[in-house]
Protein backbone atom coordinates (compact mmCIF):
# COMPACT_ATOMS: atom_id res chain seq x y z
CA MET A 1 76.32 121.21 108.15
CA LEU A 2 76.84 118.54 105.46
CA THR A 3 76.51 116.12 108.34
CA LYS A 4 77.28 116.24 112.36
CA ASN A 5 80.66 115.51 111.45
CA ILE A 6 81.15 118.10 108.43
CA CYS A 7 80.56 121.63 108.26
CA LEU A 8 79.97 122.53 104.06
CA LYS A 9 79.71 125.92 102.86
CA GLU A 10 78.52 125.53 99.27
CA PHE A 11 80.02 127.60 96.44
CA GLY A 12 76.47 129.81 96.37
CA ILE A 13 75.75 129.86 92.81
CA LYS A 14 72.53 131.53 92.20
CA LYS A 15 71.45 130.11 89.08
CA ASN A 16 68.42 128.28 88.57
CA LYS A 17 68.87 125.02 89.85
CA LYS A 18 65.37 122.91 89.99
CA GLN A 19 65.23 121.42 86.53
CA ILE A 20 69.10 119.95 86.62
CA LYS A 21 68.68 119.14 90.27
CA TYR A 22 65.72 117.13 89.51
CA ARG A 23 67.75 114.94 86.69
CA LEU A 24 70.64 114.43 89.01
CA LEU A 25 68.09 113.22 91.51
CA LYS A 26 66.99 110.78 89.28
CA ALA A 27 70.52 109.72 88.20
CA LEU A 28 71.58 109.31 91.91
CA ASN A 29 68.12 106.85 92.57
CA PHE A 30 69.37 105.10 89.22
CA TYR A 31 73.31 104.84 90.75
CA LYS A 32 72.54 104.05 94.19
CA ASN A 33 71.55 100.49 93.31
CA HIS A 34 74.59 99.79 91.31
CA LYS A 35 76.48 97.00 92.52
CA LEU A 36 79.41 99.15 92.63
CA ILE A 37 77.58 101.39 95.30
CA LYS A 38 77.08 98.70 97.81
CA SER A 39 80.61 98.96 98.52
CA PHE A 40 79.61 102.13 99.96
CA SER A 41 77.68 100.42 102.70
CA ASN A 42 78.25 97.97 105.27
CA GLU A 43 75.77 95.74 103.19
CA TYR A 44 78.53 94.99 101.35
CA SER A 45 80.19 91.67 101.49
CA TYR A 46 84.19 91.03 102.10
CA ASP A 47 86.23 88.79 99.95
CA PHE A 48 88.11 87.39 103.35
CA SER A 49 86.73 86.14 106.69
CA GLN A 50 88.28 87.37 109.85
CA GLN A 51 89.62 84.28 110.72
CA GLN A 52 91.37 84.20 107.41
CA ILE A 53 93.28 87.30 108.59
CA LYS A 54 93.82 87.27 111.92
CA LYS A 55 97.33 86.10 111.49
CA PHE A 56 97.96 89.06 109.38
CA LYS A 57 97.25 91.24 112.07
CA LYS A 58 99.98 90.52 114.83
CA PHE A 59 102.33 92.41 112.24
CA ASN A 60 103.50 95.57 113.55
CA SER A 61 105.12 96.95 109.90
CA TYR A 62 103.37 96.95 106.36
CA ASN A 63 104.57 97.50 102.89
CA LEU A 64 101.49 98.43 100.49
CA VAL A 65 102.62 97.66 96.99
CA GLY A 66 100.20 99.32 94.77
CA MET A 67 99.89 102.05 92.03
CA GLY A 68 96.94 104.72 91.80
CA GLY A 69 93.47 103.24 92.88
CA SER A 70 95.16 100.33 94.56
CA SER A 71 97.32 102.68 97.54
CA LEU A 72 95.79 106.16 97.11
CA GLY A 73 93.19 105.17 99.41
CA THR A 74 94.67 103.73 102.20
CA LYS A 75 97.43 105.80 102.00
CA ALA A 76 94.85 108.61 102.84
CA ILE A 77 93.28 106.50 105.49
CA TYR A 78 96.70 106.25 107.38
CA ASN A 79 97.62 109.74 106.77
CA PHE A 80 94.30 111.17 107.94
CA LEU A 81 93.65 109.02 110.81
CA LYS A 82 97.81 109.02 111.73
CA PRO A 83 97.10 110.08 115.24
CA LYS A 84 94.86 106.73 115.97
CA VAL A 85 97.15 104.47 114.16
CA LYS A 86 99.90 102.60 116.17
CA LYS A 87 100.99 100.67 113.08
CA LYS A 88 103.53 101.34 110.80
CA PHE A 89 102.87 101.25 107.00
CA THR A 90 105.46 102.36 104.18
CA PHE A 91 103.28 102.42 100.27
CA ILE A 92 105.26 101.63 97.74
CA ASP A 93 103.09 103.46 94.74
CA ASN A 94 106.21 104.35 91.94
CA LEU A 95 109.14 103.16 90.83
CA ASN A 96 112.10 105.21 93.02
CA SER A 97 114.31 103.12 94.85
CA ARG A 98 113.72 103.45 98.47
CA LYS A 99 115.96 101.91 101.37
CA ASP A 100 113.14 101.62 103.98
CA HIS A 101 111.52 98.47 102.49
CA GLN A 102 114.74 97.00 101.83
CA SER A 103 115.52 95.83 105.25
CA ASN A 104 114.89 92.34 106.71
CA GLU A 105 112.49 93.88 109.32
CA LYS A 106 109.19 91.74 109.76
CA ARG A 107 106.66 93.21 107.59
CA LEU A 108 103.49 91.94 105.45
CA ASN A 109 103.76 92.76 102.54
CA ILE A 110 100.20 93.57 100.90
CA ILE A 111 100.35 93.82 96.95
CA ILE A 112 97.26 95.04 95.39
CA SER A 113 96.63 95.53 91.68
CA LYS A 114 92.84 95.13 90.29
CA SER A 115 94.50 93.83 86.81
CA GLY A 116 96.99 91.41 88.25
CA ASN A 117 99.31 93.04 85.31
CA THR A 118 99.90 96.01 86.91
CA LEU A 119 103.62 96.57 85.67
CA GLU A 120 104.72 99.06 88.41
CA THR A 121 103.16 96.89 91.44
CA ILE A 122 105.09 93.65 89.80
CA SER A 123 108.22 95.43 89.55
CA ASN A 124 108.39 96.88 92.65
CA TYR A 125 107.46 93.87 94.44
CA SER A 126 110.34 91.64 92.79
CA ALA A 127 112.45 94.27 94.08
CA ILE A 128 111.86 94.03 97.72
CA LYS A 129 114.27 92.19 100.09
CA ASN A 130 111.82 90.45 102.03
CA GLN A 131 109.18 88.67 100.78
CA ARG A 132 108.37 86.16 103.27
CA ASN A 133 105.19 87.12 104.61
CA ASN A 134 102.81 88.42 101.59
CA ILE A 135 98.74 88.42 100.97
CA PHE A 136 97.82 89.58 97.30
CA ILE A 137 94.26 91.54 96.04
CA CYS A 138 93.58 91.11 92.66
CA GLU A 139 91.09 90.14 90.07
CA ASN A 140 89.73 86.48 89.72
CA SER A 141 91.17 86.43 86.48
CA ASN A 142 94.16 84.34 84.56
CA ASN A 143 96.48 87.53 85.71
CA TYR A 144 100.36 87.85 86.52
CA VAL A 145 100.19 88.26 90.12
CA ARG A 146 97.28 85.53 90.90
CA THR A 147 99.54 83.19 89.32
CA LEU A 148 102.35 84.33 91.31
CA ALA A 149 100.37 84.60 94.61
CA SER A 150 99.33 80.67 93.90
CA LYS A 151 103.15 79.55 93.21
CA LEU A 152 104.32 81.62 96.59
CA ASN A 153 101.32 79.58 98.34
CA CYS A 154 99.70 83.07 99.90
CA GLN A 155 96.92 84.38 100.55
CA ILE A 156 94.77 85.65 97.74
CA ILE A 157 91.99 87.97 98.31
CA ASN A 158 89.65 88.81 95.10
CA HIS A 159 89.40 92.30 94.07
CA LYS A 160 85.63 92.60 92.24
CA ASN A 161 86.31 93.39 88.95
CA TYR A 162 82.83 95.96 88.99
CA ILE A 163 84.80 97.65 91.30
CA GLY A 164 87.52 100.38 89.69
CA GLY A 165 90.60 100.74 91.53
CA ARG A 166 89.59 104.66 92.29
CA TYR A 167 86.24 103.61 93.88
CA SER A 168 87.76 101.11 95.67
CA VAL A 169 88.75 102.74 99.14
CA LEU A 170 85.22 101.12 101.03
CA SER A 171 85.69 97.74 99.34
CA GLU A 172 88.37 95.09 100.14
CA VAL A 173 91.02 97.37 98.86
CA GLY A 174 91.54 100.01 101.24
CA MET A 175 89.17 97.98 104.51
CA LEU A 176 91.39 95.18 104.83
CA PRO A 177 94.34 97.44 105.16
CA ALA A 178 92.70 99.89 107.59
CA ILE A 179 91.35 96.93 109.88
CA PHE A 180 95.63 96.29 110.06
CA MET A 181 95.61 99.78 111.33
CA GLY A 182 93.52 98.84 113.93
CA LEU A 183 90.56 100.88 112.62
CA LYS A 184 86.89 99.70 112.04
CA PRO A 185 85.24 99.18 108.46
CA GLU A 186 82.03 99.51 109.85
CA LYS A 187 82.21 103.19 110.77
CA PHE A 188 83.69 104.38 107.85
CA LYS A 189 80.80 102.98 105.84
CA ASN A 190 77.20 105.31 106.42
CA PHE A 191 75.80 105.67 103.13
CA ASN A 192 72.33 104.18 104.44
CA ASN A 193 72.05 107.07 106.40
CA LEU A 194 73.50 109.75 104.09
CA ILE A 195 71.44 108.69 101.03
CA LYS A 196 68.25 109.84 103.59
CA ASN A 197 69.83 112.89 104.60
CA LYS A 198 68.52 115.90 103.20
CA ASN A 199 71.12 118.26 103.65
CA PHE A 200 73.88 115.83 102.34
CA ILE A 201 71.95 115.18 99.34
CA ASN A 202 70.88 119.02 98.78
CA SER A 203 74.62 119.81 99.37
CA LEU A 204 75.73 116.59 96.43
CA LEU A 205 73.17 118.08 94.11
CA ASP A 206 74.08 121.96 94.79
CA SER A 207 78.17 120.93 93.98
CA VAL A 208 77.31 118.98 91.07
CA VAL A 209 75.06 121.61 89.64
CA SER A 210 77.60 124.71 90.39
CA THR A 211 80.56 122.83 88.95
CA ILE A 212 78.56 122.18 85.82
CA TYR A 213 77.82 125.63 86.19
CA PHE A 214 81.65 126.70 85.63
CA LEU A 215 82.65 124.33 83.18
CA SER A 216 79.82 126.25 81.04
CA LYS A 217 82.20 129.44 81.85
CA LYS A 218 85.27 127.68 81.31
CA LYS A 219 86.44 127.04 84.08
CA TYR A 220 87.97 123.72 84.32
CA ASN A 221 90.51 124.16 87.17
CA SER A 222 89.34 122.84 90.54
CA VAL A 223 91.91 123.81 93.24
CA ILE A 224 92.27 122.74 96.48
CA LEU A 225 93.15 125.03 99.31
CA ASN A 226 94.29 122.48 101.97
CA TYR A 227 94.89 123.53 105.39
CA ASP A 228 95.38 120.08 106.99
CA GLU A 229 98.46 118.17 106.34
CA LEU A 230 97.61 115.02 107.24
CA SER A 231 94.80 115.43 104.70
CA HIS A 232 97.58 116.04 101.38
CA ASP A 233 96.91 112.22 100.81
CA LEU A 234 93.29 112.50 100.87
CA PHE A 235 93.25 114.80 97.78
CA ALA A 236 95.86 112.68 95.87
CA TRP A 237 93.20 110.14 96.01
CA TYR A 238 90.71 112.66 95.10
CA GLN A 239 92.99 114.32 92.25
CA GLN A 240 93.17 110.72 90.77
CA LEU A 241 89.02 110.20 91.07
CA VAL A 242 87.98 113.01 89.40
CA ALA A 243 91.16 113.46 86.71
CA GLU A 244 90.42 109.68 85.68
CA SER A 245 86.73 109.65 85.87
CA LEU A 246 85.70 113.04 84.17
CA GLY A 247 89.06 113.23 81.62
CA LYS A 248 87.21 112.25 78.35
CA ASN A 249 86.52 113.51 75.18
CA SER A 250 87.96 116.26 75.25
CA LYS A 251 86.07 117.34 78.58
CA GLY A 252 87.42 117.01 81.91
CA ILE A 253 88.46 119.37 85.49
CA LEU A 254 91.71 119.47 86.52
CA PRO A 255 92.29 119.09 90.00
CA MET A 256 95.14 120.61 91.61
CA ILE A 257 96.05 120.69 95.19
CA SER A 258 97.50 123.67 97.09
CA SER A 259 99.14 123.22 100.72
CA MET A 260 97.97 126.18 102.72
CA PRO A 261 99.04 128.17 104.20
CA LYS A 262 102.45 127.77 102.59
CA ASP A 263 101.32 128.70 98.80
CA ASN A 264 100.36 132.30 100.32
CA HIS A 265 104.04 133.04 99.51
CA SER A 266 103.78 131.47 95.98
CA LEU A 267 100.53 130.51 94.10
CA MET A 268 98.10 133.03 95.90
CA GLN A 269 99.24 135.57 93.64
CA LEU A 270 97.66 133.94 90.56
CA TYR A 271 94.78 132.81 92.48
CA LEU A 272 93.73 136.25 93.18
CA ASP A 273 94.93 138.36 90.46
CA GLY A 274 95.58 135.47 87.49
CA PRO A 275 92.97 134.19 84.69
CA LYS A 276 89.91 133.53 86.25
CA ASN A 277 89.54 130.00 85.15
CA CYS A 278 89.53 128.35 88.71
CA PHE A 279 86.95 127.52 91.28
CA PHE A 280 88.49 126.53 94.86
CA THR A 281 87.25 124.28 97.75
CA PHE A 282 88.75 125.27 101.15
CA PHE A 283 89.62 122.19 103.80
CA ASP A 284 90.65 122.29 106.98
CA VAL A 285 90.02 119.74 110.12
CA ASN A 286 89.79 121.12 113.72
CA ASP A 287 92.63 120.61 115.66
CA HIS A 288 93.49 122.80 118.76
CA SER A 289 96.59 120.78 119.38
CA GLY A 290 98.79 122.86 117.84
CA GLN A 291 102.29 124.32 119.71
CA LYS A 292 101.76 127.61 121.38
CA ILE A 293 103.16 130.28 120.59
CA LYS A 294 106.22 131.64 123.44
CA ASN A 295 105.11 135.25 124.66
CA SER A 296 108.50 135.80 125.87
CA GLN A 297 109.84 135.40 122.20
CA LEU A 298 107.51 137.82 120.95
CA LEU A 299 108.40 141.42 119.83
CA ASN A 300 106.15 144.15 120.84
CA SER A 301 105.16 144.44 117.04
CA PHE A 302 103.63 140.95 116.58
CA ASN A 303 101.80 141.18 120.40
CA TYR A 304 98.66 140.08 118.71
CA LEU A 305 100.33 136.69 118.00
CA LYS A 306 100.37 136.30 122.36
CA ASN A 307 98.50 133.55 123.54
CA LYS A 308 97.62 131.77 120.36
CA ASN A 309 98.56 128.27 118.92
CA LEU A 310 99.40 127.72 115.33
CA TYR A 311 96.19 126.24 114.67
CA GLN A 312 94.58 129.68 115.63
CA ILE A 313 96.82 131.46 113.04
CA LYS A 314 96.14 129.07 110.52
CA SER A 315 92.71 129.41 111.19
CA ALA A 316 92.99 133.21 110.74
CA GLN A 317 94.77 133.31 107.82
CA LYS A 318 92.09 130.86 106.15
CA LYS A 319 89.38 133.15 107.15
CA ALA A 320 90.97 135.79 106.29
CA THR A 321 91.62 134.22 102.50
CA GLU A 322 88.20 133.43 102.33
CA ASN A 323 86.81 137.04 102.92
CA VAL A 324 89.08 138.17 100.19
CA PHE A 325 87.77 135.59 97.93
CA ARG A 326 84.29 136.67 99.07
CA THR A 327 85.22 140.35 97.86
CA LYS A 328 86.93 139.16 94.46
CA LYS A 329 83.74 137.00 93.55
CA ILE A 330 86.46 134.21 93.30
CA PRO A 331 84.21 130.96 93.49
CA PHE A 332 84.63 128.69 96.62
CA ARG A 333 83.09 125.95 99.07
CA SER A 334 84.45 125.61 102.27
CA PHE A 335 84.73 121.83 104.01
CA LYS A 336 85.41 121.97 108.15
CA VAL A 337 85.93 118.41 109.53
CA LEU A 338 85.11 118.86 113.25
CA GLN A 339 86.81 116.23 114.39
CA ARG A 340 89.20 113.20 113.09
CA SER A 341 87.23 110.18 112.74
CA GLU A 342 86.82 106.95 110.42
CA GLU A 343 83.01 108.50 110.19
CA ALA A 344 84.05 112.02 108.93
CA LEU A 345 86.53 110.20 106.76
CA GLY A 346 83.98 107.82 105.24
CA GLU A 347 81.28 110.30 104.84
CA LEU A 348 83.91 112.62 102.84
CA PHE A 349 84.84 109.31 100.96
CA THR A 350 81.03 108.76 99.84
CA PHE A 351 80.25 112.47 99.34
CA PHE A 352 83.29 113.17 96.47
CA MET A 353 82.62 109.56 94.96
CA LEU A 354 78.89 110.37 94.01
CA GLU A 355 79.69 113.91 93.37
CA THR A 356 82.07 112.80 90.52
CA ILE A 357 79.60 109.82 89.18
CA LEU A 358 76.85 112.48 89.16
CA LEU A 359 79.28 114.83 87.12
CA GLY A 360 80.46 112.20 84.73
CA ASP A 361 76.58 111.51 84.12
CA ALA A 362 75.99 115.18 83.76
CA MET A 363 78.83 115.72 81.45
CA LYS A 364 77.85 112.82 79.21
CA VAL A 365 80.87 110.82 79.74
CA ASN A 366 81.78 107.39 81.33
CA PRO A 367 83.07 107.97 84.65
CA PHE A 368 84.16 104.43 85.17
CA ASP A 369 86.37 103.66 82.39
CA GLN A 370 90.10 105.15 81.55
CA PRO A 371 90.24 104.02 77.72
CA ALA A 372 93.25 106.66 77.29
CA VAL A 373 95.70 105.30 79.68
CA GLU A 374 95.85 102.02 78.53
CA LEU A 375 97.94 103.05 74.94
CA ILE A 376 100.98 104.03 77.55
CA LYS A 377 100.70 100.22 78.97
CA THR A 378 101.00 99.07 75.43
CA GLU A 379 103.59 101.49 74.33
CA THR A 380 105.61 100.35 77.16
CA LYS A 381 105.58 96.92 76.81
CA LYS A 382 106.11 97.07 73.43
CA ILE A 383 109.61 99.25 73.93
CA LEU A 384 110.75 96.79 77.06
CA THR A 385 110.01 93.52 74.95
CA ASN A 386 112.12 94.93 71.64
C-alpha cells in the first residue's frame, strides 16, 4: 500500500539501491523545507480569504483561461472528481475556436497566468464574448494581466513567484477553482502525514531509483497505461510535469499516455514486441458502477461474460496485460486508487511532484525552470511584431 487510499506495486528492480536511496533521502529532507513544498501542506497561506471569494461561489458555470500548469492541474481535479462536482467548468487552454465560451450565459472567467504575459491566455481572454465577471491570478509584478485586471477593477489573486506553474496545483492556482467546484482544499493536502509514512517514502525512493536505472539502460519513454477515463487529464498534467522539469541538457524522459483497453488494438503490439526502450505505469481507479452486460444478448460462445459489468471486464484485461508484461520481463509499476476522492488525488499530486523533483536532483538538472521554451515565445513575438 502506498497509502490507505492507493495501492502501488513497484517496478521490482532488484539492483543494490541502498547507497542511492540514502542520497535521495538526504535530498528529500532538503527539499521538504523548500517554500514551494510548503504549498503541498495545510500550513500554506493562500493569497485570498473566504470573504473575498464568497461572491464568486454563486456561479454555476466557469471559464478557466490558462495554459500549461495554469490549467492542467485544475482540469485534472475537475475530471477526476467529476462525479462529485455539480458546477460546470470550461477550460480554454489552446488557441482553438470554441462556441461554448462565446455565449451570453452568466459565467465567471478565471484567468490564470503566472508571468501575466502568456500570449495564448491573453489572446483567449480577449476573444471571450462575455467578459463581465472575472477573477485574475498572476504574479505581483508589472505585467499585462495585472494591468488589465486593475483597469477592469477586477479581483486579483497573487500567484507566488516561487511556485512554477506545473507545481502550482495545490496552491491558489488549483485550490481556488476547487473551492468553486464545491471541493475542500484541506482534503487534498496531506503532506505532513505522507512525509512520515514509511510506505510512501520507500515507494517514492524506489520509483526514483528504478527510473534512474531505466535511464542508464537507455529506456527514455515512460508510458502510462491508463484504465480510468476520468484520469486522462491527471496524466496530461503529469506529462507536462515530467517533460518540462527533466527535459534539459540533452537529458529527459518522454511521458506518453495510452488509453486502455482501447490501445490494445493499436499500440500494444509495439509495446510488447517493439523496441525495448520503454518502462510502464499501469493506473486504475476502483469503480463498480459500470454498466452490466445484458445476459439475454450474449451468444453461447461468450457465456463467460454473463453477470459481468464493464468495469470487471476492464479489470480482467488490466490483470491479463500485467501478466503478459511480467512474462515478457517488461518493466512496469501498477497504481490502484481504492476510492475516487480529494485525498487520493492530493496524494497522487504529491507523489508525482516529489518524484519529479528527486529525479531532477539525481539527473543533475534543475527541475524548476524551462529555459528552452522562452526561445519560442521570443520568436513568436518577433514574427507578430513584424
